[in-house]
Amino acid sequence: MKKYAQIIFALISVFIILSLIIYPIITPILGTIILLFSLAIGIYTIFQKHKESDNPRLKIGKDTFVLVFTIMLISFLGGIAGLFANFYISNLFGAMAGFVCALLSGIVVGYLVRKGIGKVEIKF
């Protein structure tokens, strides 16, 4: 599954961009489905990662919180970028620019979370 994940997400990204041009009405439905799919894959990966560790509930809780916070932050930044692009460019190209900005903000937020949150130790 891991070796095909990048190909799957790349094909989904291309499909979303094409759907913006051909069928703009179904784009919110596709976005919701992909968001839920990404969340499900992320939570599954978290459970697999901490399945055999000591005190797994705390680690699973921390990683799930980071995942949900990251998705919310990416959605917010992508929405703001799409709003400005839509205002300054046009409806069709603004949606595509918003999608690209959401991808870029996701990469940046993911990098910052990995660098910052990964080093935090929770002790009770």
PDB file of N, CA and C in Angstrom:
ATOM      1  N   MET A   1       0.820  -1.189   0.000  1.00  0.00           N
ATOM      2  CA  MET A   1       0.000   0.000   0.000  1.00  0.00           C
ATOM      3  C   MET A   1       0.869   1.261   0.000  1.00  0.00           C
ATOM      4  N   LYS A   2       1.971   1.223   0.758  1.00  0.00           N
ATOM      5  CA  LYS A   2       2.813   2.414   0.863  1.00  0.00           C
ATOM      6  C   LYS A   2       3.453   2.775  -0.474  1.00  0.00           C
ATOM      7  N   LYS A   3       3.835   1.775  -1.251  1.00  0.00           N
ATOM      8  CA  LYS A   3       4.524   2.099  -2.499  1.00  0.00           C
ATOM      9  C   LYS A   3       3.574   2.649  -3.561  1.00  0.00           C
ATOM     10  N   TYR A   4       2.274   2.405  -3.418  1.00  0.00           N
ATOM     11  CA  TYR A   4       1.306   2.924  -4.372  1.00  0.00           C
ATOM     12  C   TYR A   4       0.610   4.196  -3.896  1.00  0.00           C
ATOM     13  N   ALA A   5       0.861   4.621  -2.679  1.00  0.00           N
ATOM     14  CA  ALA A   5       0.151   5.777  -2.116  1.00  0.00           C
ATOM     15  C   ALA A   5       0.453   7.059  -2.890  1.00  0.00           C
ATOM     16  N   GLN A   6       1.703   7.277  -3.256  1.00  0.00           N
ATOM     17  CA  GLN A   6       2.042   8.502  -3.978  1.00  0.00           C
ATOM     18  C   GLN A   6       1.412   8.521  -5.368  1.00  0.00           C
ATOM     19  N   ILE A   7       1.376   7.379  -6.019  1.00  0.00           N
ATOM     20  CA  ILE A   7       0.759   7.307  -7.341  1.00  0.00           C
ATOM     21  C   ILE A   7      -0.748   7.545  -7.233  1.00  0.00           C
ATOM     22  N   ILE A   8      -1.369   6.969  -6.209  1.00  0.00           N
ATOM     23  CA  ILE A   8      -2.806   7.140  -6.019  1.00  0.00           C
ATOM     24  C   ILE A   8      -3.137   8.604  -5.765  1.00  0.00           C
ATOM     25  N   PHE A   9      -2.392   9.260  -4.887  1.00  0.00           N
ATOM     26  CA  PHE A   9      -2.670  10.659  -4.590  1.00  0.00           C
ATOM     27  C   PHE A   9      -2.362  11.568  -5.778  1.00  0.00           C
ATOM     28  N   ALA A  10      -1.365  11.231  -6.573  1.00  0.00           N
ATOM     29  CA  ALA A  10      -1.086  12.019  -7.774  1.00  0.00           C
ATOM     30  C   ALA A  10      -2.224  11.881  -8.785  1.00  0.00           C
ATOM     31  N   LEU A  11      -2.731  10.669  -8.971  1.00  0.00           N
ATOM     32  CA  LEU A  11      -3.853  10.469  -9.889  1.00  0.00           C
ATOM     33  C   LEU A  11      -5.120  11.160  -9.386  1.00  0.00           C
ATOM     34  N   ILE A  12      -5.338  11.120  -8.086  1.00  0.00           N
ATOM     35  CA  ILE A  12      -6.497  11.813  -7.518  1.00  0.00           C
ATOM     36  C   ILE A  12      -6.369  13.312  -7.732  1.00  0.00           C
ATOM     37  N   SER A  13      -5.166  13.854  -7.571  1.00  0.00           N
ATOM     38  CA  SER A  13      -4.951  15.287  -7.793  1.00  0.00           C
ATOM     39  C   SER A  13      -5.231  15.676  -9.243  1.00  0.00           C
ATOM     40  N   VAL A  14      -4.754  14.865 -10.178  1.00  0.00           N
ATOM     41  CA  VAL A  14      -5.015  15.132 -11.596  1.00  0.00           C
ATOM     42  C   VAL A  14      -6.510  15.031 -11.879  1.00  0.00           C
ATOM     43  N   PHE A  15      -7.168  14.038 -11.283  1.00  0.00           N
ATOM     44  CA  PHE A  15      -8.603  13.866 -11.475  1.00  0.00           C
ATOM     45  C   PHE A  15      -9.386  15.057 -10.933  1.00  0.00           C
ATOM     46  N   ILE A  16      -8.962  15.599  -9.806  1.00  0.00           N
ATOM     47  CA  ILE A  16      -9.649  16.770  -9.241  1.00  0.00           C
ATOM     48  C   ILE A  16      -9.464  17.984 -10.137  1.00  0.00           C
ATOM     49  N   ILE A  17      -8.260  18.180 -10.636  1.00  0.00           N
ATOM     50  CA  ILE A  17      -8.025  19.320 -11.524  1.00  0.00           C
ATOM     51  C   ILE A  17      -8.870  19.199 -12.789  1.00  0.00           C
ATOM     52  N   LEU A  18      -8.953  17.987 -13.350  1.00  0.00           N
ATOM     53  CA  LEU A  18      -9.801  17.787 -14.530  1.00  0.00           C
ATOM     54  C   LEU A  18     -11.280  17.973 -14.189  1.00  0.00           C
ATOM     55  N   SER A  19     -11.685  17.557 -13.005  1.00  0.00           N
ATOM     56  CA  SER A  19     -13.089  17.723 -12.631  1.00  0.00           C
ATOM     57  C   SER A  19     -13.448  19.190 -12.452  1.00  0.00           C
ATOM     58  N   LEU A  20     -12.482  20.018 -12.051  1.00  0.00           N
ATOM     59  CA  LEU A  20     -12.747  21.454 -11.938  1.00  0.00           C
ATOM     60  C   LEU A  20     -13.088  22.048 -13.303  1.00  0.00           C
ATOM     61  N   ILE A  21     -12.454  21.531 -14.327  1.00  0.00           N
ATOM     62  CA  ILE A  21     -12.675  22.062 -15.669  1.00  0.00           C
ATOM     63  C   ILE A  21     -13.943  21.467 -16.292  1.00  0.00           C
ATOM     64  N   ILE A  22     -14.103  20.149 -16.183  1.00  0.00           N
ATOM     65  CA  ILE A  22     -15.192  19.470 -16.882  1.00  0.00           C
ATOM     66  C   ILE A  22     -16.491  19.491 -16.081  1.00  0.00           C
ATOM     67  N   TYR A  23     -16.446  19.086 -14.802  1.00  0.00           N
ATOM     68  CA  TYR A  23     -17.638  19.003 -13.949  1.00  0.00           C
ATOM     69  C   TYR A  23     -17.418  19.790 -12.660  1.00  0.00           C
ATOM     70  N   PRO A  24     -17.571  21.092 -12.688  1.00  0.00           N
ATOM     71  CA  PRO A  24     -17.301  21.872 -11.476  1.00  0.00           C
ATOM     72  C   PRO A  24     -18.315  21.642 -10.350  1.00  0.00           C
ATOM     73  N   ILE A  25     -19.474  21.058 -10.657  1.00  0.00           N
ATOM     74  CA  ILE A  25     -20.501  20.852  -9.634  1.00  0.00           C
ATOM     75  C   ILE A  25     -20.117  19.742  -8.661  1.00  0.00           C
ATOM     76  N   ILE A  26     -19.393  18.701  -9.133  1.00  0.00           N
ATOM     77  CA  ILE A  26     -19.063  17.569  -8.258  1.00  0.00           C
ATOM     78  C   ILE A  26     -17.772  17.777  -7.467  1.00  0.00           C
ATOM     79  N   THR A  27     -17.119  18.886  -7.659  1.00  0.00           N
ATOM     80  CA  THR A  27     -15.846  19.120  -6.991  1.00  0.00           C
ATOM     81  C   THR A  27     -15.958  19.126  -5.463  1.00  0.00           C
ATOM     82  N   PRO A  28     -16.955  19.753  -4.845  1.00  0.00           N
ATOM     83  CA  PRO A  28     -17.041  19.679  -3.377  1.00  0.00           C
ATOM     84  C   PRO A  28     -17.248  18.260  -2.859  1.00  0.00           C
ATOM     85  N   ILE A  29     -17.990  17.456  -3.597  1.00  0.00           N
ATOM     86  CA  ILE A  29     -18.197  16.061  -3.187  1.00  0.00           C
ATOM     87  C   ILE A  29     -16.886  15.301  -3.238  1.00  0.00           C
ATOM     88  N   LEU A  30     -16.135  15.491  -4.319  1.00  0.00           N
ATOM     89  CA  LEU A  30     -14.829  14.830  -4.433  1.00  0.00           C
ATOM     90  C   LEU A  30     -13.874  15.305  -3.346  1.00  0.00           C
ATOM     91  N   GLY A  31     -13.896  16.587  -3.044  1.00  0.00           N
ATOM     92  CA  GLY A  31     -13.031  17.111  -1.992  1.00  0.00           C
ATOM     93  C   GLY A  31     -13.345  16.505  -0.644  1.00  0.00           C
ATOM     94  N   THR A  32     -14.625  16.353  -0.347  1.00  0.00           N
ATOM     95  CA  THR A  32     -15.027  15.749   0.922  1.00  0.00           C
ATOM     96  C   THR A  32     -14.617  14.287   0.990  1.00  0.00           C
ATOM     97  N   ILE A  33     -14.815  13.558  -0.094  1.00  0.00           N
ATOM     98  CA  ILE A  33     -14.435  12.146  -0.133  1.00  0.00           C
ATOM     99  C   ILE A  33     -12.932  11.989   0.052  1.00  0.00           C
ATOM    100  N   ILE A  34     -12.158  12.809  -0.611  1.00  0.00           N
ATOM    101  CA  ILE A  34     -10.692  12.708  -0.504  1.00  0.00           C
ATOM    102  C   ILE A  34     -10.221  13.114   0.886  1.00  0.00           C
ATOM    103  N   LEU A  35     -10.860  14.113   1.480  1.00  0.00           N
ATOM    104  CA  LEU A  35     -10.498  14.507   2.845  1.00  0.00           C
ATOM    105  C   LEU A  35     -10.757  13.372   3.825  1.00  0.00           C
ATOM    106  N   LEU A  36     -11.910  12.729   3.731  1.00  0.00           N
ATOM    107  CA  LEU A  36     -12.220  11.607   4.613  1.00  0.00           C
ATOM    108  C   LEU A  36     -11.313  10.410   4.343  1.00  0.00           C
ATOM    109  N   PHE A  37     -10.995  10.174   3.077  1.00  0.00           N
ATOM    110  CA  PHE A  37     -10.080   9.088   2.718  1.00  0.00           C
ATOM    111  C   PHE A  37      -8.687   9.334   3.299  1.00  0.00           C
ATOM    112  N   SER A  38      -8.207  10.560   3.205  1.00  0.00           N
ATOM    113  CA  SER A  38      -6.895  10.903   3.766  1.00  0.00           C
ATOM    114  C   SER A  38      -6.893  10.757   5.281  1.00  0.00           C
ATOM    115  N   LEU A  39      -7.970  11.177   5.918  1.00  0.00           N
ATOM    116  CA  LEU A  39      -8.080  11.046   7.362  1.00  0.00           C
ATOM    117  C   LEU A  39      -8.091   9.581   7.782  1.00  0.00           C
ATOM    118  N   ALA A  40      -8.808   8.749   7.040  1.00  0.00           N
ATOM    119  CA  ALA A  40      -8.857   7.317   7.352  1.00  0.00           C
ATOM    120  C   ALA A  40      -7.490   6.664   7.177  1.00  0.00           C
ATOM    121  N   ILE A  41      -6.786   6.998   6.117  1.00  0.00           N
ATOM    122  CA  ILE A  41      -5.449   6.435   5.906  1.00  0.00           C
ATOM    123  C   ILE A  41      -4.488   6.912   6.982  1.00  0.00           C
ATOM    124  N   GLY A  42      -4.591   8.183   7.373  1.00  0.00           N
ATOM    125  CA  GLY A  42      -3.724   8.712   8.423  1.00  0.00           C
ATOM    126  C   GLY A  42      -3.954   8.035   9.761  1.00  0.00           C
ATOM    127  N   ILE A  43      -5.213   7.851  10.130  1.00  0.00           N
ATOM    128  CA  ILE A  43      -5.512   7.201  11.411  1.00  0.00           C
ATOM    129  C   ILE A  43      -5.115   5.733  11.379  1.00  0.00           C
ATOM    130  N   TYR A  44      -5.322   5.062  10.257  1.00  0.00           N
ATOM    131  CA  TYR A  44      -4.888   3.666  10.125  1.00  0.00           C
ATOM    132  C   TYR A  44      -3.371   3.545  10.288  1.00  0.00           C
ATOM    133  N   THR A  45      -2.648   4.476   9.680  1.00  0.00           N
ATOM    134  CA  THR A  45      -1.186   4.467   9.793  1.00  0.00           C
ATOM    135  C   THR A  45      -0.746   4.724  11.232  1.00  0.00           C
ATOM    136  N   ILE A  46      -1.432   5.617  11.930  1.00  0.00           N
ATOM    137  CA  ILE A  46      -1.104   5.895  13.331  1.00  0.00           C
ATOM    138  C   ILE A  46      -1.311   4.651  14.182  1.00  0.00           C
ATOM    139  N   PHE A  47      -2.427   3.957  13.979  1.00  0.00           N
ATOM    140  CA  PHE A  47      -2.678   2.738  14.748  1.00  0.00           C
ATOM    141  C   PHE A  47      -1.650   1.659  14.445  1.00  0.00           C
ATOM    142  N   GLN A  48      -1.244   1.519  13.191  1.00  0.00           N
ATOM    143  CA  GLN A  48      -0.241   0.525  12.834  1.00  0.00           C
ATOM    144  C   GLN A  48       1.130   0.875  13.417  1.00  0.00           C
ATOM    145  N   LYS A  49       1.436   2.160  13.470  1.00  0.00           N
ATOM    146  CA  LYS A  49       2.728   2.611  13.984  1.00  0.00           C
ATOM    147  C   LYS A  49       2.864   2.345  15.481  1.00  0.00           C
ATOM    148  N   HIS A  50       1.802   2.552  16.230  1.00  0.00           N
ATOM    149  CA  HIS A  50       1.866   2.437  17.693  1.00  0.00           C
ATOM    150  C   HIS A  50       1.188   1.174  18.232  1.00  0.00           C
ATOM    151  N   LYS A  51       1.024   0.197  17.388  1.00  0.00           N
ATOM    152  CA  LYS A  51       0.320  -1.008  17.803  1.00  0.00           C
ATOM    153  C   LYS A  51       1.051  -1.756  18.909  1.00  0.00           C
ATOM    154  N   GLU A  52       2.346  -1.844  18.841  1.00  0.00           N
ATOM    155  CA  GLU A  52       3.111  -2.652  19.783  1.00  0.00           C
ATOM    156  C   GLU A  52       3.964  -1.822  20.738  1.00  0.00           C
ATOM    157  N   SER A  53       3.718  -0.522  20.810  1.00  0.00           N
ATOM    158  CA  SER A  53       4.546   0.318  21.679  1.00  0.00           C
ATOM    159  C   SER A  53       3.985   0.348  23.094  1.00  0.00           C
ATOM    160  N   ASP A  54       4.823   0.836  24.024  1.00  0.00           N
ATOM    161  CA  ASP A  54       4.363   0.982  25.397  1.00  0.00           C
ATOM    162  C   ASP A  54       3.545   2.274  25.509  1.00  0.00           C
ATOM    163  N   ASN A  55       2.460   2.224  26.274  1.00  0.00           N
ATOM    164  CA  ASN A  55       1.526   3.328  26.443  1.00  0.00           C
ATOM    165  C   ASN A  55       1.005   3.834  25.092  1.00  0.00           C
ATOM    166  N   PRO A  56       0.344   2.965  24.319  1.00  0.00           N
ATOM    167  CA  PRO A  56      -0.071   3.368  22.967  1.00  0.00           C
ATOM    168  C   PRO A  56      -1.192   4.399  22.933  1.00  0.00           C
ATOM    169  N   ARG A  57      -2.031   4.448  23.964  1.00  0.00           N
ATOM    170  CA  ARG A  57      -3.149   5.393  23.935  1.00  0.00           C
ATOM    171  C   ARG A  57      -2.677   6.841  23.886  1.00  0.00           C
ATOM    172  N   LEU A  58      -1.671   7.153  24.674  1.00  0.00           N
ATOM    173  CA  LEU A  58      -1.154   8.518  24.707  1.00  0.00           C
ATOM    174  C   LEU A  58      -0.524   8.890  23.363  1.00  0.00           C
ATOM    175  N   LYS A  59       0.248   7.976  22.806  1.00  0.00           N
ATOM    176  CA  LYS A  59       0.900   8.259  21.521  1.00  0.00           C
ATOM    177  C   LYS A  59      -0.118   8.353  20.392  1.00  0.00           C
ATOM    178  N   ILE A  60      -1.116   7.457  20.405  1.00  0.00           N
ATOM    179  CA  ILE A  60      -2.152   7.502  19.374  1.00  0.00           C
ATOM    180  C   ILE A  60      -2.958   8.796  19.503  1.00  0.00           C
ATOM    181  N   GLY A  61      -3.267   9.200  20.722  1.00  0.00           N
ATOM    182  CA  GLY A  61      -3.992  10.456  20.939  1.00  0.00           C
ATOM    183  C   GLY A  61      -3.220  11.659  20.440  1.00  0.00           C
ATOM    184  N   LYS A  62      -1.921  11.694  20.756  1.00  0.00           N
ATOM    185  CA  LYS A  62      -1.076  12.823  20.319  1.00  0.00           C
ATOM    186  C   LYS A  62      -0.982  12.879  18.802  1.00  0.00           C
ATOM    187  N   ASP A  63      -0.722  11.750  18.173  1.00  0.00           N
ATOM    188  CA  ASP A  63      -0.583  11.731  16.713  1.00  0.00           C
ATOM    189  C   ASP A  63      -1.907  12.026  16.007  1.00  0.00           C
ATOM    190  N   THR A  64      -3.018  11.549  16.575  1.00  0.00           N
ATOM    191  CA  THR A  64      -4.320  11.847  15.981  1.00  0.00           C
ATOM    192  C   THR A  64      -4.643  13.330  16.100  1.00  0.00           C
ATOM    193  N   PHE A  65      -4.335  13.927  17.249  1.00  0.00           N
ATOM    194  CA  PHE A  65      -4.535  15.362  17.415  1.00  0.00           C
ATOM    195  C   PHE A  65      -3.705  16.152  16.409  1.00  0.00           C
ATOM    196  N   VAL A  66      -2.451  15.764  16.232  1.00  0.00           N
ATOM    197  CA  VAL A  66      -1.591  16.450  15.269  1.00  0.00           C
ATOM    198  C   VAL A  66      -2.138  16.298  13.860  1.00  0.00           C
ATOM    199  N   LEU A  67      -2.636  15.109  13.519  1.00  0.00           N
ATOM    200  CA  LEU A  67      -3.192  14.877  12.187  1.00  0.00           C
ATOM    201  C   LEU A  67      -4.422  15.740  11.939  1.00  0.00           C
ATOM    202  N   VAL A  68      -5.343  15.764  12.884  1.00  0.00           N
ATOM    203  CA  VAL A  68      -6.566  16.553  12.716  1.00  0.00           C
ATOM    204  C   VAL A  68      -6.244  18.043  12.687  1.00  0.00           C
ATOM    205  N   PHE A  69      -5.344  18.500  13.566  1.00  0.00           N
ATOM    206  CA  PHE A  69      -4.942  19.901  13.572  1.00  0.00           C
ATOM    207  C   PHE A  69      -4.283  20.287  12.245  1.00  0.00           C
ATOM    208  N   THR A  70      -3.449  19.410  11.728  1.00  0.00           N
ATOM    209  CA  THR A  70      -2.776  19.689  10.454  1.00  0.00           C
ATOM    210  C   THR A  70      -3.779  19.778   9.316  1.00  0.00           C
ATOM    211  N   ILE A  71      -4.735  18.865   9.273  1.00  0.00           N
ATOM    212  CA  ILE A  71      -5.742  18.906   8.210  1.00  0.00           C
ATOM    213  C   ILE A  71      -6.592  20.166   8.310  1.00  0.00           C
ATOM    214  N   MET A  72      -6.950  20.557   9.527  1.00  0.00           N
ATOM    215  CA  MET A  72      -7.726  21.787   9.698  1.00  0.00           C
ATOM    216  C   MET A  72      -6.925  23.016   9.271  1.00  0.00           C
ATOM    217  N   LEU A  73      -5.643  23.053   9.623  1.00  0.00           N
ATOM    218  CA  LEU A  73      -4.805  24.193   9.248  1.00  0.00           C
ATOM    219  C   LEU A  73      -4.605  24.251   7.737  1.00  0.00           C
ATOM    220  N   ILE A  74      -4.401  23.110   7.124  1.00  0.00           N
ATOM    221  CA  ILE A  74      -4.236  23.070   5.665  1.00  0.00           C
ATOM    222  C   ILE A  74      -5.523  23.509   4.976  1.00  0.00           C
ATOM    223  N   SER A  75      -6.661  23.035   5.473  1.00  0.00           N
ATOM    224  CA  SER A  75      -7.941  23.434   4.881  1.00  0.00           C
ATOM    225  C   SER A  75      -8.162  24.935   5.006  1.00  0.00           C
ATOM    226  N   PHE A  76      -7.833  25.493   6.162  1.00  0.00           N
ATOM    227  CA  PHE A  76      -7.987  26.926   6.361  1.00  0.00           C
ATOM    228  C   PHE A  76      -7.075  27.715   5.430  1.00  0.00           C
ATOM    229  N   LEU A  77      -5.801  27.350   5.377  1.00  0.00           N
ATOM    230  CA  LEU A  77      -4.859  28.072   4.513  1.00  0.00           C
ATOM    231  C   LEU A  77      -5.219  27.924   3.037  1.00  0.00           C
ATOM    232  N   GLY A  78      -5.620  26.724   2.645  1.00  0.00           N
ATOM    233  CA  GLY A  78      -6.041  26.514   1.256  1.00  0.00           C
ATOM    234  C   GLY A  78      -7.291  27.303   0.914  1.00  0.00           C
ATOM    235  N   GLY A  79      -8.223  27.383   1.864  1.00  0.00           N
ATOM    236  CA  GLY A  79      -9.436  28.170   1.634  1.00  0.00           C
ATOM    237  C   GLY A  79      -9.145  29.650   1.494  1.00  0.00           C
ATOM    238  N   ILE A  80      -8.275  30.159   2.350  1.00  0.00           N
ATOM    239  CA  ILE A  80      -7.901  31.579   2.259  1.00  0.00           C
ATOM    240  C   ILE A  80      -7.177  31.857   0.938  1.00  0.00           C
ATOM    241  N   ALA A  81      -6.261  30.979   0.560  1.00  0.00           N
ATOM    242  CA  ALA A  81      -5.534  31.169  -0.704  1.00  0.00           C
ATOM    243  C   ALA A  81      -6.490  31.085  -1.889  1.00  0.00           C
ATOM    244  N   GLY A  82      -7.426  30.149  -1.847  1.00  0.00           N
ATOM    245  CA  GLY A  82      -8.411  30.044  -2.915  1.00  0.00           C
ATOM    246  C   GLY A  82      -9.320  31.255  -2.982  1.00  0.00           C
ATOM    247  N   LEU A  83      -9.671  31.797  -1.827  1.00  0.00           N
ATOM    248  CA  LEU A  83     -10.518  32.989  -1.787  1.00  0.00           C
ATOM    249  C   LEU A  83      -9.815  34.173  -2.444  1.00  0.00           C
ATOM    250  N   PHE A  84      -8.565  34.397  -2.089  1.00  0.00           N
ATOM    251  CA  PHE A  84      -7.829  35.511  -2.695  1.00  0.00           C
ATOM    252  C   PHE A  84      -7.578  35.278  -4.185  1.00  0.00           C
ATOM    253  N   ALA A  85      -7.221  34.043  -4.551  1.00  0.00           N
ATOM    254  CA  ALA A  85      -6.995  33.759  -5.971  1.00  0.00           C
ATOM    255  C   ALA A  85      -8.290  33.907  -6.756  1.00  0.00           C
ATOM    256  N   ASN A  86      -9.386  33.480  -6.179  1.00  0.00           N
ATOM    257  CA  ASN A  86     -10.679  33.592  -6.842  1.00  0.00           C
ATOM    258  C   ASN A  86     -11.078  35.056  -7.010  1.00  0.00           C
ATOM    259  N   PHE A  87     -10.759  35.878  -6.029  1.00  0.00           N
ATOM    260  CA  PHE A  87     -11.100  37.297  -6.095  1.00  0.00           C
ATOM    261  C   PHE A  87     -10.255  38.019  -7.142  1.00  0.00           C
ATOM    262  N   TYR A  88      -8.961  37.706  -7.187  1.00  0.00           N
ATOM    263  CA  TYR A  88      -8.065  38.449  -8.063  1.00  0.00           C
ATOM    264  C   TYR A  88      -7.973  37.869  -9.470  1.00  0.00           C
ATOM    265  N   ILE A  89      -8.240  36.598  -9.653  1.00  0.00           N
ATOM    266  CA  ILE A  89      -8.079  36.009 -10.988  1.00  0.00           C
ATOM    267  C   ILE A  89      -9.449  35.797 -11.629  1.00  0.00           C
ATOM    268  N   SER A  90     -10.077  34.684 -11.352  1.00  0.00           N
ATOM    269  CA  SER A  90     -11.428  34.405 -11.839  1.00  0.00           C
ATOM    270  C   SER A  90     -11.916  33.134 -11.165  1.00  0.00           C
ATOM    271  N   ASN A  91     -13.151  32.759 -11.436  1.00  0.00           N
ATOM    272  CA  ASN A  91     -13.705  31.588 -10.772  1.00  0.00           C
ATOM    273  C   ASN A  91     -12.976  30.303 -11.132  1.00  0.00           C
ATOM    274  N   LEU A  92     -12.788  30.031 -12.411  1.00  0.00           N
ATOM    275  CA  LEU A  92     -12.184  28.769 -12.838  1.00  0.00           C
ATOM    276  C   LEU A  92     -10.716  28.691 -12.448  1.00  0.00           C
ATOM    277  N   PHE A  93      -9.950  29.694 -12.792  1.00  0.00           N
ATOM    278  CA  PHE A  93      -8.527  29.659 -12.479  1.00  0.00           C
ATOM    279  C   PHE A  93      -8.268  29.890 -10.998  1.00  0.00           C
ATOM    280  N   GLY A  94      -9.165  30.596 -10.329  1.00  0.00           N
ATOM    281  CA  GLY A  94      -9.019  30.797  -8.890  1.00  0.00           C
ATOM    282  C   GLY A  94      -9.166  29.497  -8.121  1.00  0.00           C
ATOM    283  N   ALA A  95     -10.056  28.629  -8.566  1.00  0.00           N
ATOM    284  CA  ALA A  95     -10.216  27.329  -7.913  1.00  0.00           C
ATOM    285  C   ALA A  95      -8.972  26.475  -8.104  1.00  0.00           C
ATOM    286  N   MET A  96      -8.402  26.496  -9.301  1.00  0.00           N
ATOM    287  CA  MET A  96      -7.171  25.734  -9.540  1.00  0.00           C
ATOM    288  C   MET A  96      -6.011  26.304  -8.732  1.00  0.00           C
ATOM    289  N   ALA A  97      -5.913  27.624  -8.681  1.00  0.00           N
ATOM    290  CA  ALA A  97      -4.845  28.241  -7.884  1.00  0.00           C
ATOM    291  C   ALA A  97      -5.040  27.950  -6.410  1.00  0.00           C
ATOM    292  N   GLY A  98      -6.280  27.929  -5.946  1.00  0.00           N
ATOM    293  CA  GLY A  98      -6.554  27.565  -4.556  1.00  0.00           C
ATOM    294  C   GLY A  98      -6.164  26.131  -4.262  1.00  0.00           C
ATOM    295  N   PHE A  99      -6.414  25.232  -5.212  1.00  0.00           N
ATOM    296  CA  PHE A  99      -6.030  23.830  -5.042  1.00  0.00           C
ATOM    297  C   PHE A  99      -4.512  23.694  -4.953  1.00  0.00           C
ATOM    298  N   VAL A 100      -3.792  24.385  -5.819  1.00  0.00           N
ATOM    299  CA  VAL A 100      -2.321  24.344  -5.790  1.00  0.00           C
ATOM    300  C   VAL A 100      -1.803  24.956  -4.490  1.00  0.00           C
ATOM    301  N   CYS A 101      -2.404  26.071  -4.057  1.00  0.00           N
ATOM    302  CA  CYS A 101      -1.985  26.695  -2.793  1.00  0.00           C
ATOM    303  C   CYS A 101      -2.270  25.784  -1.607  1.00  0.00           C
ATOM    304  N   ALA A 102      -3.376  25.043  -1.649  1.00  0.00           N
ATOM    305  CA  ALA A 102      -3.680  24.105  -0.573  1.00  0.00           C
ATOM    306  C   ALA A 102      -2.649  22.986  -0.535  1.00  0.00           C
ATOM    307  N   LEU A 103      -2.241  22.495  -1.699  1.00  0.00           N
ATOM    308  CA  LEU A 103      -1.200  21.466  -1.737  1.00  0.00           C
ATOM    309  C   LEU A 103       0.117  21.990  -1.179  1.00  0.00           C
ATOM    310  N   LEU A 104       0.494  23.194  -1.588  1.00  0.00           N
ATOM    311  CA  LEU A 104       1.752  23.767  -1.097  1.00  0.00           C
ATOM    312  C   LEU A 104       1.695  24.058   0.401  1.00  0.00           C
ATOM    313  N   SER A 105       0.564  24.569   0.866  1.00  0.00           N
ATOM    314  CA  SER A 105       0.465  24.822   2.302  1.00  0.00           C
ATOM    315  C   SER A 105       0.460  23.513   3.075  1.00  0.00           C
ATOM    316  N   GLY A 106      -0.090  22.460   2.496  1.00  0.00           N
ATOM    317  CA  GLY A 106      -0.039  21.143   3.140  1.00  0.00           C
ATOM    318  C   GLY A 106       1.373  20.631   3.274  1.00  0.00           C
ATOM    319  N   ILE A 107       2.175  20.830   2.250  1.00  0.00           N
ATOM    320  CA  ILE A 107       3.575  20.405   2.309  1.00  0.00           C
ATOM    321  C   ILE A 107       4.328  21.194   3.369  1.00  0.00           C
ATOM    322  N   VAL A 108       4.119  22.511   3.410  1.00  0.00           N
ATOM    323  CA  VAL A 108       4.822  23.352   4.384  1.00  0.00           C
ATOM    324  C   VAL A 108       4.388  23.019   5.805  1.00  0.00           C
ATOM    325  N   VAL A 109       3.075  22.887   6.033  1.00  0.00           N
ATOM    326  CA  VAL A 109       2.597  22.573   7.380  1.00  0.00           C
ATOM    327  C   VAL A 109       3.059  21.187   7.807  1.00  0.00           C
ATOM    328  N   GLY A 110       3.032  20.225   6.900  1.00  0.00           N
ATOM    329  CA  GLY A 110       3.525  18.888   7.221  1.00  0.00           C
ATOM    330  C   GLY A 110       4.996  18.898   7.603  1.00  0.00           C
ATOM    331  N   TYR A 111       5.792  19.680   6.889  1.00  0.00           N
ATOM    332  CA  TYR A 111       7.219  19.789   7.207  1.00  0.00           C
ATOM    333  C   TYR A 111       7.422  20.424   8.583  1.00  0.00           C
ATOM    334  N   LEU A 112       6.677  21.502   8.855  1.00  0.00           N
ATOM    335  CA  LEU A 112       6.819  22.170  10.147  1.00  0.00           C
ATOM    336  C   LEU A 112       6.345  21.291  11.292  1.00  0.00           C
ATOM    337  N   VAL A 113       5.269  20.550  11.088  1.00  0.00           N
ATOM    338  CA  VAL A 113       4.779  19.659  12.134  1.00  0.00           C
ATOM    339  C   VAL A 113       5.781  18.548  12.389  1.00  0.00           C
ATOM    340  N   ARG A 114       6.350  18.003  11.329  1.00  0.00           N
ATOM    341  CA  ARG A 114       7.327  16.927  11.505  1.00  0.00           C
ATOM    342  C   ARG A 114       8.565  17.421  12.238  1.00  0.00           C
ATOM    343  N   LYS A 115       9.022  18.628  11.929  1.00  0.00           N
ATOM    344  CA  LYS A 115      10.206  19.174  12.589  1.00  0.00           C
ATOM    345  C   LYS A 115       9.918  19.589  14.029  1.00  0.00           C
ATOM    346  N   GLY A 116       8.738  20.170  14.279  1.00  0.00           N
ATOM    347  CA  GLY A 116       8.449  20.704  15.602  1.00  0.00           C
ATOM    348  C   GLY A 116       7.801  19.727  16.542  1.00  0.00           C
ATOM    349  N   ILE A 117       6.727  19.091  16.131  1.00  0.00           N
ATOM    350  CA  ILE A 117       5.968  18.212  17.006  1.00  0.00           C
ATOM    351  C   ILE A 117       6.695  16.888  17.225  1.00  0.00           C
ATOM    352  N   GLY A 118       7.454  16.454  16.260  1.00  0.00           N
ATOM    353  CA  GLY A 118       8.155  15.174  16.390  1.00  0.00           C
ATOM    354  C   GLY A 118       9.166  15.151  17.521  1.00  0.00           C
ATOM    355  N   LYS A 119       9.643  16.298  17.952  1.00  0.00           N
ATOM    356  CA  LYS A 119      10.649  16.377  18.998  1.00  0.00           C
ATOM    357  C   LYS A 119      10.052  16.568  20.390  1.00  0.00           C
ATOM    358  N   VAL A 120       8.741  16.749  20.465  1.00  0.00           N
ATOM    359  CA  VAL A 120       8.080  17.005  21.740  1.00  0.00           C
ATOM    360  C   VAL A 120       7.879  15.677  22.475  1.00  0.00           C
ATOM    361  N   GLU A 121       8.267  15.638  23.722  1.00  0.00           N
ATOM    362  CA  GLU A 121       8.079  14.461  24.562  1.00  0.00           C
ATOM    363  C   GLU A 121       7.002  14.764  25.589  1.00  0.00           C
ATOM    364  N   ILE A 122       6.021  13.891  25.711  1.00  0.00           N
ATOM    365  CA  ILE A 122       4.969  14.044  26.719  1.00  0.00           C
ATOM    366  C   ILE A 122       5.253  13.073  27.846  1.00  0.00           C
ATOM    367  N   LYS A 123       5.384  13.603  29.054  1.00  0.00           N
ATOM    368  CA  LYS A 123       5.670  12.757  30.214  1.00  0.00           C
ATOM    369  C   LYS A 123       4.623  12.982  31.270  1.00  0.00           C
ATOM    370  N   PHE A 124       4.166  11.887  31.866  1.00  0.00           N
ATOM    371  CA  PHE A 124       3.202  11.971  32.961  1.00  0.00           C
ATOM    372  C   PHE A 124       3.763  11.340  34.195  1.00  0.00           C
TER     373      PHE A 124
END
